[in-house]
Amino acid sequence: MKELRIAPLVEGDGEVNALPILLRRIAFDIDPSVSLKHVKPFRHPAGRLIKPEGLERALNAVAITHPHHAILVLIDSEDDCPATLGPHLLHRATTARPDLLISTVLAYREFETWFLAAAESLSGVRGLPSNLIPPPDPEAIRDAKGWLTKQMPSGTCYSLST
């Protein structure tokens, strides 16, 4: 069995809880013989990562704590264009740490937007209705967490921290 070592660098609690599950599922779908060795994601606010030297400091901290791991940087792009900001952050990261294998992934607006796009696959999960369908334009929704909460039974709310 091959081992893949990933140290995620994320911005929110939702990503801390959900990303390890998502990475395991993706790794299994790509190659079931891969064992994913991950650590609890490192959480840093995106605002600090985007500022000059913020990403670089965070990468150094992750690399010291978990040497020999690939680093996955996953943040929300909010209102920035992920196709512009993502390559810019990757350039900064690889310039600062050319010795590391680093990938940057930016969710358009917010991480939970992906859940809206994949709503059918979440039908019947964590209180969501069994007939859940995605909204027509998931990326146009500014509050993906709110949309998910509205789909749930009255008195419950969406949260990845449970």
N, C-alpha and C. Protein backbone atom coordinates (compact mmCIF):
# COMPACT_ATOMS: atom_id res chain seq x y z
N MET A 1 0.85 -1.18 0.00
CA MET A 1 0.00 0.00 0.00
C MET A 1 0.89 1.24 0.00
N LYS A 2 0.55 2.20 -0.86
CA LYS A 2 1.28 3.46 -0.95
C LYS A 2 0.73 4.43 0.09
N GLU A 3 1.62 5.24 0.64
CA GLU A 3 1.19 6.23 1.62
C GLU A 3 1.36 7.63 1.06
N LEU A 4 0.32 8.42 1.15
CA LEU A 4 0.34 9.81 0.75
C LEU A 4 0.23 10.65 2.01
N ARG A 5 1.18 11.56 2.21
CA ARG A 5 1.22 12.37 3.42
C ARG A 5 0.83 13.81 3.09
N ILE A 6 -0.28 14.26 3.68
CA ILE A 6 -0.79 15.60 3.41
C ILE A 6 -0.99 16.36 4.71
N ALA A 7 -0.51 17.59 4.74
CA ALA A 7 -0.73 18.50 5.87
C ALA A 7 -1.58 19.66 5.34
N PRO A 8 -2.87 19.69 5.63
CA PRO A 8 -3.74 20.77 5.13
C PRO A 8 -3.57 22.07 5.93
N LEU A 9 -3.66 23.17 5.21
CA LEU A 9 -3.65 24.51 5.79
C LEU A 9 -4.96 25.15 5.35
N VAL A 10 -5.85 25.41 6.30
CA VAL A 10 -7.21 25.88 6.00
C VAL A 10 -7.54 27.12 6.83
N GLU A 11 -8.72 27.69 6.56
CA GLU A 11 -9.09 28.90 7.28
C GLU A 11 -10.22 28.75 8.29
N GLY A 12 -11.07 27.74 8.16
CA GLY A 12 -12.25 27.69 9.03
C GLY A 12 -12.46 26.36 9.71
N ASP A 13 -13.34 26.38 10.71
CA ASP A 13 -13.69 25.16 11.45
C ASP A 13 -14.31 24.11 10.55
N GLY A 14 -15.14 24.54 9.60
CA GLY A 14 -15.78 23.60 8.70
C GLY A 14 -14.76 22.79 7.93
N GLU A 15 -13.74 23.46 7.44
CA GLU A 15 -12.70 22.78 6.69
C GLU A 15 -11.89 21.85 7.58
N VAL A 16 -11.64 22.26 8.82
CA VAL A 16 -10.89 21.42 9.76
C VAL A 16 -11.59 20.07 9.92
N ASN A 17 -12.92 20.11 10.03
CA ASN A 17 -13.69 18.88 10.24
C ASN A 17 -13.95 18.10 8.95
N ALA A 18 -14.23 18.80 7.86
CA ALA A 18 -14.66 18.13 6.64
C ALA A 18 -13.54 17.72 5.70
N LEU A 19 -12.45 18.48 5.67
CA LEU A 19 -11.41 18.21 4.69
C LEU A 19 -10.77 16.83 4.82
N PRO A 20 -10.47 16.34 6.01
CA PRO A 20 -9.91 14.98 6.08
C PRO A 20 -10.82 13.93 5.46
N ILE A 21 -12.12 14.05 5.66
CA ILE A 21 -13.07 13.11 5.07
C ILE A 21 -13.06 13.25 3.55
N LEU A 22 -13.10 14.47 3.08
CA LEU A 22 -13.10 14.74 1.65
C LEU A 22 -11.82 14.20 1.00
N LEU A 23 -10.68 14.43 1.63
CA LEU A 23 -9.41 13.93 1.07
C LEU A 23 -9.37 12.41 1.02
N ARG A 24 -9.86 11.76 2.06
CA ARG A 24 -9.89 10.29 2.06
C ARG A 24 -10.76 9.76 0.92
N ARG A 25 -11.91 10.39 0.72
CA ARG A 25 -12.81 9.96 -0.35
C ARG A 25 -12.17 10.16 -1.73
N ILE A 26 -11.54 11.30 -1.93
CA ILE A 26 -10.90 11.57 -3.22
C ILE A 26 -9.75 10.59 -3.45
N ALA A 27 -8.92 10.39 -2.44
CA ALA A 27 -7.79 9.47 -2.58
C ALA A 27 -8.28 8.07 -2.92
N PHE A 28 -9.33 7.62 -2.26
CA PHE A 28 -9.86 6.28 -2.51
C PHE A 28 -10.41 6.17 -3.93
N ASP A 29 -11.12 7.22 -4.38
CA ASP A 29 -11.68 7.20 -5.73
C ASP A 29 -10.58 7.18 -6.79
N ILE A 30 -9.49 7.87 -6.54
CA ILE A 30 -8.39 7.92 -7.50
C ILE A 30 -7.60 6.61 -7.49
N ASP A 31 -7.27 6.13 -6.30
CA ASP A 31 -6.46 4.91 -6.19
C ASP A 31 -6.72 4.25 -4.83
N PRO A 32 -7.55 3.20 -4.79
CA PRO A 32 -7.88 2.55 -3.52
C PRO A 32 -6.68 1.97 -2.78
N SER A 33 -5.54 1.83 -3.47
CA SER A 33 -4.36 1.27 -2.80
C SER A 33 -3.57 2.33 -2.04
N VAL A 34 -4.00 3.58 -2.11
CA VAL A 34 -3.30 4.67 -1.42
C VAL A 34 -3.84 4.81 0.00
N SER A 35 -2.93 4.85 0.95
CA SER A 35 -3.28 5.13 2.34
C SER A 35 -2.98 6.61 2.58
N LEU A 36 -4.00 7.33 2.96
CA LEU A 36 -3.83 8.77 3.17
C LEU A 36 -3.40 9.03 4.61
N LYS A 37 -2.19 9.53 4.77
CA LYS A 37 -1.68 9.91 6.09
C LYS A 37 -1.86 11.42 6.19
N HIS A 38 -2.81 11.82 6.97
CA HIS A 38 -3.04 13.25 7.12
C HIS A 38 -2.98 13.62 8.60
N VAL A 39 -2.87 14.87 8.80
CA VAL A 39 -2.89 15.39 10.17
C VAL A 39 -4.09 16.31 10.28
N LYS A 40 -4.46 16.63 11.49
CA LYS A 40 -5.53 17.60 11.67
C LYS A 40 -5.11 18.89 10.95
N PRO A 41 -6.00 19.43 10.13
CA PRO A 41 -5.64 20.65 9.39
C PRO A 41 -5.21 21.79 10.32
N PHE A 42 -4.25 22.55 9.82
CA PHE A 42 -3.80 23.75 10.51
C PHE A 42 -4.74 24.88 10.10
N ARG A 43 -5.23 25.61 11.09
CA ARG A 43 -6.20 26.66 10.82
C ARG A 43 -5.55 28.04 10.96
N HIS A 44 -5.65 28.82 9.89
CA HIS A 44 -5.17 30.20 9.87
C HIS A 44 -6.20 31.03 9.13
N PRO A 45 -6.61 32.16 9.66
CA PRO A 45 -7.57 33.00 8.95
C PRO A 45 -7.05 33.40 7.57
N ALA A 46 -7.91 33.34 6.56
CA ALA A 46 -7.51 33.67 5.18
C ALA A 46 -6.95 35.08 5.09
N GLY A 47 -7.52 36.00 5.86
CA GLY A 47 -7.02 37.38 5.82
C GLY A 47 -5.54 37.47 6.17
N ARG A 48 -5.11 36.65 7.11
CA ARG A 48 -3.69 36.64 7.47
C ARG A 48 -2.85 35.93 6.41
N LEU A 49 -3.40 34.90 5.82
CA LEU A 49 -2.64 34.16 4.79
C LEU A 49 -2.41 35.01 3.55
N ILE A 50 -3.38 35.83 3.20
CA ILE A 50 -3.28 36.63 1.98
C ILE A 50 -2.33 37.80 2.15
N LYS A 51 -2.19 38.29 3.39
CA LYS A 51 -1.30 39.43 3.63
C LYS A 51 0.15 39.05 3.34
N PRO A 52 0.99 40.03 2.99
CA PRO A 52 2.40 39.75 2.74
C PRO A 52 3.05 39.01 3.92
N GLU A 53 3.75 37.97 3.61
CA GLU A 53 4.47 37.11 4.56
C GLU A 53 3.57 36.21 5.41
N GLY A 54 2.26 36.39 5.35
CA GLY A 54 1.37 35.55 6.16
C GLY A 54 1.37 34.10 5.71
N LEU A 55 1.20 33.88 4.42
CA LEU A 55 1.21 32.53 3.88
C LEU A 55 2.57 31.88 4.11
N GLU A 56 3.61 32.64 3.89
CA GLU A 56 4.96 32.12 4.05
C GLU A 56 5.24 31.67 5.49
N ARG A 57 4.81 32.46 6.47
CA ARG A 57 4.98 32.09 7.88
C ARG A 57 4.18 30.83 8.22
N ALA A 58 2.96 30.77 7.71
CA ALA A 58 2.11 29.59 7.98
C ALA A 58 2.72 28.33 7.37
N LEU A 59 3.25 28.43 6.15
CA LEU A 59 3.88 27.27 5.52
C LEU A 59 5.10 26.81 6.31
N ASN A 60 5.88 27.74 6.80
CA ASN A 60 7.05 27.37 7.63
C ASN A 60 6.62 26.63 8.88
N ALA A 61 5.56 27.10 9.52
CA ALA A 61 5.08 26.43 10.74
C ALA A 61 4.60 25.02 10.44
N VAL A 62 3.86 24.85 9.35
CA VAL A 62 3.37 23.52 8.98
C VAL A 62 4.55 22.61 8.64
N ALA A 63 5.51 23.12 7.88
CA ALA A 63 6.66 22.30 7.46
C ALA A 63 7.51 21.87 8.65
N ILE A 64 7.65 22.71 9.64
CA ILE A 64 8.44 22.36 10.83
C ILE A 64 7.72 21.27 11.62
N THR A 65 6.42 21.42 11.75
CA THR A 65 5.62 20.47 12.52
C THR A 65 5.47 19.12 11.81
N HIS A 66 5.35 19.16 10.50
CA HIS A 66 5.11 17.94 9.72
C HIS A 66 6.02 17.88 8.50
N PRO A 67 7.30 17.61 8.72
CA PRO A 67 8.21 17.50 7.58
C PRO A 67 7.81 16.30 6.71
N HIS A 68 8.16 16.35 5.48
CA HIS A 68 7.92 15.28 4.51
C HIS A 68 6.45 15.11 4.15
N HIS A 69 5.63 16.09 4.44
CA HIS A 69 4.23 16.06 4.03
C HIS A 69 4.06 17.03 2.86
N ALA A 70 3.19 16.68 1.92
CA ALA A 70 2.74 17.67 0.94
C ALA A 70 1.81 18.62 1.70
N ILE A 71 1.75 19.85 1.28
CA ILE A 71 0.89 20.83 1.96
C ILE A 71 -0.21 21.26 1.00
N LEU A 72 -1.44 21.16 1.47
CA LEU A 72 -2.60 21.60 0.70
C LEU A 72 -3.15 22.85 1.37
N VAL A 73 -3.12 23.96 0.66
CA VAL A 73 -3.68 25.22 1.16
C VAL A 73 -5.08 25.33 0.58
N LEU A 74 -6.09 25.37 1.45
CA LEU A 74 -7.49 25.47 1.02
C LEU A 74 -8.14 26.64 1.73
N ILE A 75 -8.54 27.65 0.95
CA ILE A 75 -9.22 28.81 1.52
C ILE A 75 -10.39 29.22 0.63
N ASP A 76 -11.27 30.03 1.20
CA ASP A 76 -12.37 30.63 0.43
C ASP A 76 -11.82 31.82 -0.34
N SER A 77 -12.28 32.00 -1.56
CA SER A 77 -11.83 33.17 -2.32
C SER A 77 -12.69 34.40 -2.01
N GLU A 78 -13.81 34.17 -1.31
CA GLU A 78 -14.77 35.25 -1.01
C GLU A 78 -15.14 35.93 -2.32
N ASP A 79 -14.82 37.22 -2.48
CA ASP A 79 -15.19 37.92 -3.71
C ASP A 79 -14.02 38.06 -4.68
N ASP A 80 -12.88 37.50 -4.33
CA ASP A 80 -11.75 37.50 -5.25
C ASP A 80 -11.94 36.41 -6.30
N CYS A 81 -11.30 36.56 -7.42
CA CYS A 81 -11.37 35.56 -8.48
C CYS A 81 -10.39 34.43 -8.13
N PRO A 82 -10.89 33.20 -7.91
CA PRO A 82 -9.99 32.11 -7.55
C PRO A 82 -8.97 31.79 -8.65
N ALA A 83 -9.33 32.06 -9.91
CA ALA A 83 -8.41 31.79 -11.02
C ALA A 83 -7.24 32.77 -11.03
N THR A 84 -7.38 33.88 -10.35
CA THR A 84 -6.29 34.85 -10.23
C THR A 84 -5.56 34.70 -8.90
N LEU A 85 -6.33 34.66 -7.82
CA LEU A 85 -5.73 34.58 -6.48
C LEU A 85 -5.01 33.25 -6.25
N GLY A 86 -5.58 32.15 -6.71
CA GLY A 86 -4.96 30.84 -6.49
C GLY A 86 -3.55 30.75 -7.04
N PRO A 87 -3.33 31.06 -8.33
CA PRO A 87 -1.96 31.02 -8.87
C PRO A 87 -1.02 32.01 -8.19
N HIS A 88 -1.55 33.16 -7.79
CA HIS A 88 -0.73 34.14 -7.08
C HIS A 88 -0.23 33.57 -5.74
N LEU A 89 -1.14 32.95 -4.99
CA LEU A 89 -0.75 32.35 -3.71
C LEU A 89 0.20 31.16 -3.92
N LEU A 90 -0.05 30.37 -4.95
CA LEU A 90 0.84 29.25 -5.23
C LEU A 90 2.25 29.74 -5.58
N HIS A 91 2.33 30.81 -6.35
CA HIS A 91 3.64 31.38 -6.69
C HIS A 91 4.37 31.85 -5.43
N ARG A 92 3.65 32.55 -4.56
CA ARG A 92 4.26 32.99 -3.30
C ARG A 92 4.75 31.80 -2.49
N ALA A 93 3.91 30.76 -2.43
CA ALA A 93 4.23 29.58 -1.62
C ALA A 93 5.45 28.86 -2.16
N THR A 94 5.48 28.62 -3.45
CA THR A 94 6.60 27.86 -4.02
C THR A 94 7.88 28.69 -4.09
N THR A 95 7.74 29.99 -4.14
CA THR A 95 8.93 30.86 -4.08
C THR A 95 9.53 30.82 -2.68
N ALA A 96 8.67 30.88 -1.67
CA ALA A 96 9.13 30.86 -0.28
C ALA A 96 9.66 29.50 0.13
N ARG A 97 9.03 28.43 -0.36
CA ARG A 97 9.40 27.06 0.05
C ARG A 97 9.50 26.14 -1.17
N PRO A 98 10.54 26.33 -2.00
CA PRO A 98 10.68 25.47 -3.18
C PRO A 98 10.96 24.01 -2.82
N ASP A 99 11.31 23.75 -1.58
CA ASP A 99 11.60 22.39 -1.13
C ASP A 99 10.35 21.58 -0.81
N LEU A 100 9.18 22.23 -0.82
CA LEU A 100 7.93 21.57 -0.45
C LEU A 100 7.04 21.33 -1.66
N LEU A 101 6.25 20.28 -1.60
CA LEU A 101 5.20 20.05 -2.58
C LEU A 101 3.96 20.73 -2.04
N ILE A 102 3.52 21.80 -2.72
CA ILE A 102 2.42 22.63 -2.24
C ILE A 102 1.37 22.76 -3.33
N SER A 103 0.11 22.65 -2.95
CA SER A 103 -1.01 22.92 -3.85
C SER A 103 -1.91 23.94 -3.18
N THR A 104 -2.48 24.81 -3.99
CA THR A 104 -3.47 25.76 -3.47
C THR A 104 -4.81 25.46 -4.14
N VAL A 105 -5.85 25.45 -3.34
CA VAL A 105 -7.21 25.24 -3.83
C VAL A 105 -8.07 26.33 -3.22
N LEU A 106 -8.75 27.07 -4.06
CA LEU A 106 -9.63 28.13 -3.58
C LEU A 106 -11.06 27.82 -3.96
N ALA A 107 -11.92 27.82 -2.96
CA ALA A 107 -13.35 27.65 -3.19
C ALA A 107 -13.92 29.01 -3.60
N TYR A 108 -14.73 29.01 -4.63
CA TYR A 108 -15.37 30.26 -5.03
C TYR A 108 -16.35 30.67 -3.93
N ARG A 109 -16.18 31.84 -3.45
CA ARG A 109 -16.94 32.40 -2.32
C ARG A 109 -16.63 31.67 -1.02
N GLU A 110 -17.17 30.44 -0.87
CA GLU A 110 -16.95 29.72 0.39
C GLU A 110 -16.93 28.21 0.16
N PHE A 111 -16.26 27.51 1.05
CA PHE A 111 -16.09 26.06 0.98
C PHE A 111 -17.44 25.36 0.81
N GLU A 112 -18.45 25.81 1.52
CA GLU A 112 -19.75 25.16 1.49
C GLU A 112 -20.47 25.29 0.15
N THR A 113 -20.00 26.18 -0.72
CA THR A 113 -20.57 26.27 -2.06
C THR A 113 -20.47 24.93 -2.77
N TRP A 114 -19.39 24.19 -2.51
CA TRP A 114 -19.24 22.86 -3.11
C TRP A 114 -20.37 21.93 -2.68
N PHE A 115 -20.83 22.08 -1.44
CA PHE A 115 -21.92 21.23 -0.95
C PHE A 115 -23.23 21.56 -1.67
N LEU A 116 -23.43 22.83 -2.00
CA LEU A 116 -24.63 23.20 -2.76
C LEU A 116 -24.59 22.55 -4.13
N ALA A 117 -23.45 22.61 -4.79
CA ALA A 117 -23.32 22.02 -6.11
C ALA A 117 -23.53 20.50 -6.07
N ALA A 118 -23.15 19.89 -4.96
CA ALA A 118 -23.27 18.43 -4.80
C ALA A 118 -24.47 18.05 -3.94
N ALA A 119 -25.48 18.89 -3.91
CA ALA A 119 -26.61 18.70 -3.00
C ALA A 119 -27.26 17.33 -3.12
N GLU A 120 -27.40 16.82 -4.33
CA GLU A 120 -28.05 15.51 -4.49
C GLU A 120 -27.29 14.41 -3.76
N SER A 121 -25.97 14.50 -3.72
CA SER A 121 -25.17 13.48 -3.03
C SER A 121 -25.28 13.60 -1.52
N LEU A 122 -25.83 14.71 -1.04
CA LEU A 122 -26.00 14.92 0.40
C LEU A 122 -27.43 14.66 0.86
N SER A 123 -28.28 14.26 -0.06
CA SER A 123 -29.68 13.98 0.29
C SER A 123 -29.76 12.98 1.44
N GLY A 124 -30.55 13.34 2.45
CA GLY A 124 -30.77 12.44 3.59
C GLY A 124 -29.62 12.39 4.58
N VAL A 125 -28.61 13.22 4.41
CA VAL A 125 -27.45 13.21 5.30
C VAL A 125 -27.54 14.39 6.28
N ARG A 126 -27.27 14.12 7.54
CA ARG A 126 -27.22 15.16 8.59
C ARG A 126 -28.45 16.06 8.63
N GLY A 127 -29.60 15.47 8.47
CA GLY A 127 -30.85 16.23 8.58
C GLY A 127 -31.31 16.89 7.30
N LEU A 128 -30.57 16.75 6.22
CA LEU A 128 -31.01 17.32 4.95
C LEU A 128 -32.09 16.42 4.35
N PRO A 129 -33.04 16.99 3.63
CA PRO A 129 -34.14 16.18 3.08
C PRO A 129 -33.63 15.15 2.06
N SER A 130 -34.37 14.07 1.93
CA SER A 130 -33.96 12.99 1.02
C SER A 130 -34.15 13.35 -0.44
N ASN A 131 -34.86 14.43 -0.73
CA ASN A 131 -35.07 14.85 -2.11
C ASN A 131 -34.33 16.16 -2.42
N LEU A 132 -33.24 16.40 -1.75
CA LEU A 132 -32.48 17.65 -1.90
C LEU A 132 -31.92 17.77 -3.32
N ILE A 133 -32.15 18.92 -3.93
CA ILE A 133 -31.58 19.18 -5.25
C ILE A 133 -30.77 20.48 -5.18
N PRO A 134 -29.74 20.60 -6.00
CA PRO A 134 -28.91 21.81 -5.94
C PRO A 134 -29.66 23.03 -6.47
N PRO A 135 -29.29 24.20 -5.99
CA PRO A 135 -29.88 25.41 -6.56
C PRO A 135 -29.38 25.59 -8.00
N PRO A 136 -30.10 26.34 -8.81
CA PRO A 136 -29.72 26.49 -10.22
C PRO A 136 -28.30 27.02 -10.43
N ASP A 137 -27.86 27.96 -9.62
CA ASP A 137 -26.52 28.54 -9.76
C ASP A 137 -25.87 28.61 -8.38
N PRO A 138 -25.29 27.50 -7.90
CA PRO A 138 -24.75 27.46 -6.54
C PRO A 138 -23.74 28.57 -6.24
N GLU A 139 -22.94 28.95 -7.23
CA GLU A 139 -21.92 29.97 -6.98
C GLU A 139 -22.49 31.37 -6.84
N ALA A 140 -23.75 31.56 -7.22
CA ALA A 140 -24.38 32.87 -7.07
C ALA A 140 -24.88 33.10 -5.65
N ILE A 141 -24.96 32.03 -4.86
CA ILE A 141 -25.47 32.15 -3.49
C ILE A 141 -24.34 32.61 -2.58
N ARG A 142 -24.58 33.69 -1.89
CA ARG A 142 -23.55 34.30 -1.04
C ARG A 142 -23.44 33.61 0.32
N ASP A 143 -24.50 33.05 0.82
CA ASP A 143 -24.49 32.42 2.14
C ASP A 143 -24.85 30.94 1.99
N ALA A 144 -23.88 30.13 1.60
CA ALA A 144 -24.13 28.70 1.38
C ALA A 144 -24.57 28.02 2.68
N LYS A 145 -23.99 28.41 3.80
CA LYS A 145 -24.39 27.82 5.09
C LYS A 145 -25.86 28.12 5.37
N GLY A 146 -26.29 29.34 5.07
CA GLY A 146 -27.69 29.71 5.27
C GLY A 146 -28.63 28.91 4.37
N TRP A 147 -28.21 28.70 3.11
CA TRP A 147 -29.02 27.91 2.19
C TRP A 147 -29.18 26.49 2.72
N LEU A 148 -28.10 25.90 3.20
CA LEU A 148 -28.16 24.55 3.76
C LEU A 148 -29.07 24.51 4.99
N THR A 149 -28.97 25.50 5.85
CA THR A 149 -29.81 25.56 7.05
C THR A 149 -31.29 25.63 6.66
N LYS A 150 -31.61 26.41 5.63
CA LYS A 150 -33.02 26.54 5.19
C LYS A 150 -33.57 25.22 4.67
N GLN A 151 -32.72 24.33 4.24
CA GLN A 151 -33.18 23.03 3.73
C GLN A 151 -33.45 22.04 4.86
N MET A 152 -32.98 22.35 6.05
CA MET A 152 -33.08 21.43 7.18
C MET A 152 -34.38 21.64 7.95
N PRO A 153 -34.76 20.66 8.76
CA PRO A 153 -35.98 20.81 9.56
C PRO A 153 -35.91 22.04 10.46
N SER A 154 -37.05 22.61 10.73
CA SER A 154 -37.15 23.78 11.59
C SER A 154 -36.47 23.51 12.94
N GLY A 155 -35.71 24.49 13.39
CA GLY A 155 -35.03 24.36 14.68
C GLY A 155 -33.65 23.76 14.59
N THR A 156 -33.23 23.31 13.41
CA THR A 156 -31.88 22.78 13.24
C THR A 156 -31.10 23.71 12.32
N CYS A 157 -29.80 23.63 12.38
CA CYS A 157 -28.98 24.46 11.51
C CYS A 157 -27.78 23.68 11.00
N TYR A 158 -27.28 24.13 9.88
CA TYR A 158 -26.11 23.51 9.28
C TYR A 158 -24.88 23.84 10.11
N SER A 159 -24.06 22.86 10.32
CA SER A 159 -22.77 23.05 10.99
C SER A 159 -21.88 21.87 10.68
N LEU A 160 -20.61 22.15 10.34
CA LEU A 160 -19.63 21.07 10.13
C LEU A 160 -18.88 20.78 11.41
N SER A 161 -19.12 21.56 12.44
CA SER A 161 -18.33 21.37 13.67
C SER A 161 -18.94 20.35 14.61
N THR A 162 -20.02 19.69 14.18
CA THR A 162 -20.61 18.67 15.04
C THR A 162 -20.25 17.28 14.61
